[in-house]
Amino acid sequence: MRKAGILGIGRYVEGKEVTNKDFEQTLDTSDEWIRTRTGIERRVFAHEDVDTSDMSYHASVEALHRADVQAEDIDLILVATVTPDYPFPSVSALIQERLGAYNAGAMDVSAACAGFLYAMSTASKFVETGTYNNVLIVGAEKLSKTVDFTDRNTAVLFGDAAGACVIGPVSEDRGIESFELGADGSGAMYIKQDPHLQMNGREVFKFAVRQMGDTCMNLLEKAGRTKDDVDFLVPHQANIRIMEAARERLELPKEKMAATVHKYGNTSAASIPVALIEELEAGKIEDGDYIVMVGFGSGLVWSGVSLRWGR
């Protein structure tokens, strides 16, 4: 089978900047408390007239441009989100029409913060088998419309963003080498929306610290790799302490881990692509680097992808 990899990537993180100091005005919390427990300093909330499909569209346009792929050449669109504009139609269908990707199938993927890598793993199989040549995947969330802003335990954690990638065929020594998808439904109610976002932080933290590290090691085993092969880690940007636990499991120096949680908070399915593109633009990821990406979220679900960067 041919190899599948990332041809181009884009992001959208625009709106109102909300700092920890802003929350001090309405909640029994402090900048220091939030920073020391989560690593978050600020987050961005999309403007009221901007919804998930709008953010997805803008991120997709950038990804298509960087991939040098036309909208009509997209075969499939997968949007990972738990905050769609509507229960139906899907966000993927909305952006298919707006992009002019009239030859593409379209569906949404609901795997919360692990959704982007669920979509990437799915897309890679269509490309590897030759079924499709170009698959657009998006991770996008407008979590600000689900948050209870009177709940100090969750209100400070989340932000809005979108990230998109075009997945297509790459050379034999580049692209995706392994993936992992998993779920433990016994913890499904630890993170839920009813009607606002609710979370059992203690249980989620314990799960995430264990699972993020385990997934990293499983990806290496499946790819026939060792920790010494890893050049960069891109974890889901939920909590700096959870991210650091995964980094330490891989024995990587701090500068080899993507960290944008301080700027954007937890943007769920958007966090990994947004973090990835920022590190690329900073010159921290180079052609041929071996990258491990891991995520976890409500379900409880987890996902991981390892790849060699480049085309």
Protein backbone atom coordinates (compact mmCIF):
# COMPACT_ATOMS: atom_id res chain seq x y z
CA MET A 1 0.00 0.00 0.00
CA ARG A 2 1.09 3.58 -0.59
CA LYS A 3 1.92 5.92 2.30
CA ALA A 4 -0.45 8.63 3.55
CA GLY A 5 0.71 11.86 5.12
CA ILE A 6 -0.08 15.53 5.65
CA LEU A 7 0.07 17.63 2.48
CA GLY A 8 -0.97 20.94 4.02
CA ILE A 9 -2.28 22.35 7.27
CA GLY A 10 -4.26 25.42 8.35
CA ARG A 11 -5.82 26.96 11.45
CA TYR A 12 -8.31 29.54 12.65
CA VAL A 13 -7.97 31.06 16.13
CA GLU A 14 -9.64 34.45 16.09
CA GLY A 15 -12.06 36.22 18.38
CA LYS A 16 -12.11 37.73 21.84
CA GLU A 17 -9.09 37.13 24.05
CA VAL A 18 -10.10 36.18 27.59
CA THR A 19 -7.40 36.15 30.25
CA ASN A 20 -7.37 34.49 33.64
CA LYS A 21 -7.64 37.96 35.17
CA ASP A 22 -10.97 38.38 33.38
CA PHE A 23 -12.35 35.33 35.21
CA GLU A 24 -11.27 36.79 38.55
CA GLN A 25 -14.05 39.35 38.09
CA THR A 26 -16.85 36.75 37.97
CA LEU A 27 -15.56 33.57 39.64
CA ASP A 28 -13.92 32.55 42.90
CA THR A 29 -10.59 31.88 41.19
CA SER A 30 -7.26 33.53 40.46
CA ASP A 31 -4.71 33.78 37.68
CA GLU A 32 -2.17 31.92 39.83
CA TRP A 33 -4.60 29.09 40.65
CA ILE A 34 -5.47 28.53 36.99
CA ARG A 35 -1.88 28.75 35.73
CA THR A 36 -0.37 26.43 38.32
CA ARG A 37 -3.02 23.73 37.88
CA THR A 38 -3.56 23.86 34.14
CA GLY A 39 -0.85 25.95 32.46
CA ILE A 40 -3.55 28.14 30.87
CA GLU A 41 -3.03 31.92 30.81
CA ARG A 42 -5.55 33.01 28.19
CA ARG A 43 -8.01 31.59 25.66
CA VAL A 44 -9.89 32.87 22.61
CA PHE A 45 -13.67 32.84 22.26
CA ALA A 46 -15.01 33.12 18.73
CA HIS A 47 -17.25 36.09 18.03
CA GLU A 48 -20.97 35.52 18.46
CA ASP A 49 -21.65 35.49 14.72
CA VAL A 50 -18.88 32.91 14.06
CA ASP A 51 -19.83 29.25 14.45
CA THR A 52 -17.97 25.97 14.08
CA SER A 53 -18.51 25.74 10.33
CA ASP A 54 -17.11 29.24 9.84
CA MET A 55 -13.93 28.39 11.71
CA SER A 56 -13.70 25.08 9.85
CA TYR A 57 -14.03 26.82 6.52
CA HIS A 58 -11.24 29.33 7.16
CA ALA A 59 -8.86 26.65 8.47
CA SER A 60 -9.67 24.47 5.45
CA VAL A 61 -8.96 27.23 2.94
CA GLU A 62 -5.51 27.69 4.44
CA ALA A 63 -4.85 23.93 4.46
CA LEU A 64 -5.88 23.57 0.81
CA HIS A 65 -3.65 26.47 -0.18
CA ARG A 66 -0.63 25.04 1.63
CA ALA A 67 -1.28 21.60 0.16
CA ASP A 68 -1.65 23.10 -3.34
CA VAL A 69 -4.87 21.11 -3.73
CA GLN A 70 -8.05 22.46 -5.31
CA ALA A 71 -11.39 22.08 -3.55
CA GLU A 72 -12.80 20.06 -6.45
CA ASP A 73 -9.98 17.53 -5.97
CA ILE A 74 -11.05 16.68 -2.40
CA ASP A 75 -12.61 13.21 -2.26
CA LEU A 76 -13.84 13.20 1.34
CA ILE A 77 -14.31 15.69 4.18
CA LEU A 78 -14.16 14.56 7.82
CA VAL A 79 -14.90 17.12 10.52
CA ALA A 80 -14.12 16.18 14.11
CA THR A 81 -16.38 18.19 16.42
CA VAL A 82 -18.76 17.89 19.36
CA THR A 83 -20.00 21.45 18.95
CA PRO A 84 -21.59 21.54 15.47
CA ASP A 85 -23.63 24.49 14.27
CA TYR A 86 -26.72 22.25 14.35
CA PRO A 87 -27.43 18.66 15.40
CA PHE A 88 -27.85 18.24 11.64
CA PRO A 89 -26.85 19.06 8.93
CA SER A 90 -23.22 18.17 9.57
CA VAL A 91 -20.45 20.75 9.67
CA SER A 92 -18.70 18.76 6.93
CA ALA A 93 -21.67 19.20 4.59
CA LEU A 94 -21.82 22.93 5.32
CA ILE A 95 -18.18 23.50 4.47
CA GLN A 96 -18.32 21.15 1.46
CA GLU A 97 -20.75 23.54 -0.20
CA ARG A 98 -18.91 26.67 0.94
CA LEU A 99 -15.55 25.38 -0.29
CA GLY A 100 -16.98 24.18 -3.57
CA ALA A 101 -15.72 20.65 -2.89
CA TYR A 102 -18.58 19.17 -4.89
CA ASN A 103 -16.86 15.84 -5.56
CA ALA A 104 -16.37 15.07 -1.86
CA GLY A 105 -18.34 12.92 0.52
CA ALA A 106 -18.84 14.51 3.93
CA MET A 107 -19.38 13.35 7.49
CA ASP A 108 -18.67 14.49 11.03
CA VAL A 109 -16.69 12.49 13.60
CA SER A 110 -17.74 12.69 17.26
CA ALA A 111 -14.80 11.68 19.46
CA ALA A 112 -14.39 14.87 21.48
CA CYS A 113 -10.78 15.92 22.12
CA ALA A 114 -9.50 12.74 20.44
CA GLY A 115 -11.54 13.41 17.32
CA PHE A 116 -8.88 14.91 15.09
CA LEU A 117 -6.65 11.84 15.26
CA TYR A 118 -9.68 9.58 14.84
CA ALA A 119 -10.34 11.49 11.61
CA MET A 120 -6.69 11.32 10.55
CA SER A 121 -6.53 7.57 11.12
CA THR A 122 -9.71 7.08 9.10
CA ALA A 123 -8.50 9.33 6.29
CA SER A 124 -5.16 7.56 6.07
CA LYS A 125 -6.80 4.23 5.27
CA PHE A 126 -8.74 5.66 2.34
CA VAL A 127 -5.51 7.11 0.96
CA GLU A 128 -3.29 4.10 1.65
CA THR A 129 -5.65 1.74 -0.15
CA GLY A 130 -5.92 4.07 -3.15
CA THR A 131 -9.64 4.59 -2.63
CA TYR A 132 -9.18 8.37 -2.35
CA ASN A 133 -6.31 10.72 -3.17
CA ASN A 134 -7.14 13.77 -1.05
CA VAL A 135 -9.06 13.78 2.22
CA LEU A 136 -9.70 17.02 4.10
CA ILE A 137 -9.85 16.57 7.87
CA VAL A 138 -10.85 19.28 10.32
CA GLY A 139 -10.87 19.54 14.09
CA ALA A 140 -13.10 22.43 15.16
CA GLU A 141 -14.89 23.47 18.33
CA LYS A 142 -16.87 26.41 19.62
CA LEU A 143 -16.82 25.27 23.22
CA SER A 144 -17.74 28.70 24.52
CA LYS A 145 -21.37 27.94 23.62
CA THR A 146 -21.41 24.84 25.88
CA VAL A 147 -19.54 26.13 28.94
CA ASP A 148 -21.27 27.03 32.21
CA PHE A 149 -19.57 30.32 33.07
CA THR A 150 -20.66 30.03 36.71
CA ASP A 151 -18.68 26.79 37.16
CA ARG A 152 -15.13 27.72 38.13
CA ASN A 153 -13.88 24.17 37.56
CA THR A 154 -14.68 24.12 33.84
CA ALA A 155 -15.29 27.70 32.67
CA VAL A 156 -11.59 28.59 32.69
CA LEU A 157 -10.41 25.55 30.71
CA PHE A 158 -11.77 25.88 27.20
CA GLY A 159 -11.39 27.97 24.06
CA ASP A 160 -12.56 28.06 20.45
CA ALA A 161 -10.48 27.16 17.38
CA ALA A 162 -10.23 25.10 14.22
CA GLY A 163 -7.39 23.22 12.56
CA ALA A 164 -7.42 21.45 9.20
CA CYS A 165 -5.16 19.11 7.21
CA VAL A 166 -5.20 17.63 3.74
CA ILE A 167 -4.23 13.95 3.89
CA GLY A 168 -2.86 12.46 0.69
CA PRO A 169 -0.18 10.17 -0.74
CA VAL A 170 3.44 10.88 0.22
CA SER A 171 6.78 9.27 -0.54
CA GLU A 172 7.64 5.86 0.87
CA ASP A 173 9.89 7.19 3.65
CA ARG A 174 7.41 9.80 4.89
CA GLY A 175 3.90 9.77 6.32
CA ILE A 176 1.92 7.85 8.92
CA GLU A 177 3.64 4.84 10.47
CA SER A 178 1.21 3.81 13.23
CA PHE A 179 -2.07 4.74 14.86
CA GLU A 180 -4.14 3.77 17.89
CA LEU A 181 -7.82 4.26 18.64
CA GLY A 182 -9.35 3.28 21.95
CA ALA A 183 -12.29 3.77 24.30
CA ASP A 184 -13.38 2.97 27.84
CA GLY A 185 -17.11 3.58 28.08
CA SER A 186 -17.12 2.87 31.81
CA GLY A 187 -15.88 6.45 32.23
CA ALA A 188 -18.28 7.95 29.70
CA MET A 189 -20.03 10.20 32.19
CA TYR A 190 -16.83 11.77 33.52
CA ILE A 191 -17.09 14.39 30.76
CA LYS A 192 -20.57 15.19 29.48
CA GLN A 193 -22.82 17.97 28.20
CA ASP A 194 -26.07 18.11 30.18
CA PRO A 195 -26.98 20.81 29.22
CA HIS A 196 -23.63 22.51 29.86
CA LEU A 197 -20.22 20.93 29.86
CA GLN A 198 -19.56 18.99 33.07
CA MET A 199 -16.40 17.17 34.11
CA ASN A 200 -15.08 14.99 36.93
CA GLY A 201 -11.64 16.54 36.87
CA ARG A 202 -9.97 14.15 39.29
CA GLU A 203 -10.97 11.01 37.40
CA VAL A 204 -10.22 12.50 33.99
CA PHE A 205 -6.76 13.58 35.16
CA LYS A 206 -5.89 10.10 36.42
CA PHE A 207 -7.10 8.50 33.21
CA ALA A 208 -5.32 10.97 30.95
CA VAL A 209 -1.93 10.78 32.66
CA ARG A 210 -1.93 7.00 32.32
CA GLN A 211 -3.44 6.73 28.86
CA MET A 212 -1.43 9.44 27.12
CA GLY A 213 1.82 7.74 28.13
CA ASP A 214 0.56 4.26 27.28
CA THR A 215 -0.61 5.40 23.85
CA CYS A 216 2.79 6.96 23.10
CA MET A 217 4.53 3.68 23.89
CA ASN A 218 1.99 1.64 21.91
CA LEU A 219 2.52 3.82 18.84
CA LEU A 220 6.27 3.26 19.01
CA GLU A 221 5.84 -0.50 19.37
CA LYS A 222 3.47 -0.68 16.39
CA ALA A 223 5.89 1.33 14.25
CA GLY A 224 8.92 -0.67 15.31
CA ARG A 225 10.40 2.46 16.88
CA THR A 226 12.01 3.37 20.20
CA LYS A 227 11.90 6.51 22.33
CA ASP A 228 15.25 7.53 20.83
CA ASP A 229 13.56 7.87 17.43
CA VAL A 230 11.08 10.52 18.56
CA ASP A 231 11.91 14.05 17.44
CA PHE A 232 8.75 15.83 18.57
CA LEU A 233 5.62 15.24 20.64
CA VAL A 234 2.31 16.96 19.85
CA PRO A 235 -0.12 16.12 22.67
CA HIS A 236 -3.71 17.26 23.12
CA GLN A 237 -3.51 20.65 24.81
CA ALA A 238 -5.72 20.05 27.84
CA ASN A 239 -3.51 20.50 30.89
CA ILE A 240 0.23 21.12 31.11
CA ARG A 241 0.69 18.51 33.84
CA ILE A 242 -0.91 15.79 31.70
CA MET A 243 1.20 16.86 28.73
CA GLU A 244 4.38 16.80 30.79
CA ALA A 245 3.61 13.27 31.98
CA ALA A 246 3.51 12.08 28.35
CA ARG A 247 6.70 13.95 27.54
CA GLU A 248 8.52 12.42 30.48
CA ARG A 249 7.34 8.95 29.47
CA LEU A 250 9.11 9.51 26.13
CA GLU A 251 12.14 11.04 27.89
CA LEU A 252 12.01 14.09 25.63
CA PRO A 253 13.41 17.53 26.52
CA LYS A 254 10.82 20.25 27.05
CA GLU A 255 11.65 22.01 23.81
CA LYS A 256 10.60 18.87 21.90
CA MET A 257 6.96 19.08 23.00
CA ALA A 258 4.34 21.33 21.42
CA ALA A 259 2.77 23.61 24.02
CA THR A 260 0.06 26.12 23.13
CA VAL A 261 -2.27 25.46 26.08
CA HIS A 262 -1.10 28.69 27.74
CA LYS A 263 -2.37 30.73 24.77
CA TYR A 264 -5.54 28.95 23.73
CA GLY A 265 -6.64 26.67 26.57
CA ASN A 266 -8.28 23.37 25.70
CA THR A 267 -9.73 23.66 22.19
CA SER A 268 -10.74 19.98 22.07
CA ALA A 269 -10.52 18.50 18.55
CA ALA A 270 -8.72 21.62 17.29
CA SER A 271 -5.87 21.54 19.78
CA ILE A 272 -3.51 19.11 18.03
CA PRO A 273 -3.61 20.66 14.52
CA VAL A 274 -3.34 24.18 15.95
CA ALA A 275 -0.35 23.17 18.08
CA LEU A 276 1.23 21.36 15.14
CA ILE A 277 1.05 24.31 12.76
CA GLU A 278 2.41 26.72 15.35
CA GLU A 279 5.47 24.55 15.95
CA LEU A 280 5.97 24.17 12.20
CA GLU A 281 5.89 27.93 11.75
CA ALA A 282 8.36 28.31 14.61
CA GLY A 283 10.77 26.02 12.77
CA LYS A 284 10.77 23.36 15.49
CA ILE A 285 9.62 20.55 13.16
CA GLU A 286 11.70 19.79 10.09
CA ASP A 287 11.38 17.51 7.08
CA GLY A 288 11.98 13.90 8.10
CA ASP A 289 11.27 14.41 11.80
CA TYR A 290 9.46 11.57 13.55
CA ILE A 291 6.40 12.96 15.35
CA VAL A 292 4.11 11.39 17.93
CA MET A 293 0.61 12.88 18.37
CA VAL A 294 -1.73 11.76 21.16
CA GLY A 295 -5.16 12.81 22.39
CA PHE A 296 -7.89 11.85 24.86
CA GLY A 297 -11.41 12.99 25.53
CA SER A 298 -14.98 12.35 26.56
CA GLY A 299 -16.11 8.80 26.04
CA LEU A 300 -13.64 8.09 27.52
CA VAL A 301 -11.71 7.81 24.27
CA TRP A 302 -8.11 8.15 23.17
CA SER A 303 -6.19 8.28 19.91
CA GLY A 304 -2.67 8.50 18.60
CA VAL A 305 -0.77 8.81 15.33
CA SER A 306 2.95 8.61 14.63
CA LEU A 307 4.42 9.85 11.37
CA ARG A 308 7.53 11.09 9.62
CA TRP A 309 6.97 14.67 8.60
CA GLY A 310 7.21 15.59 4.95
CA ARG A 311 5.90 14.72 1.52
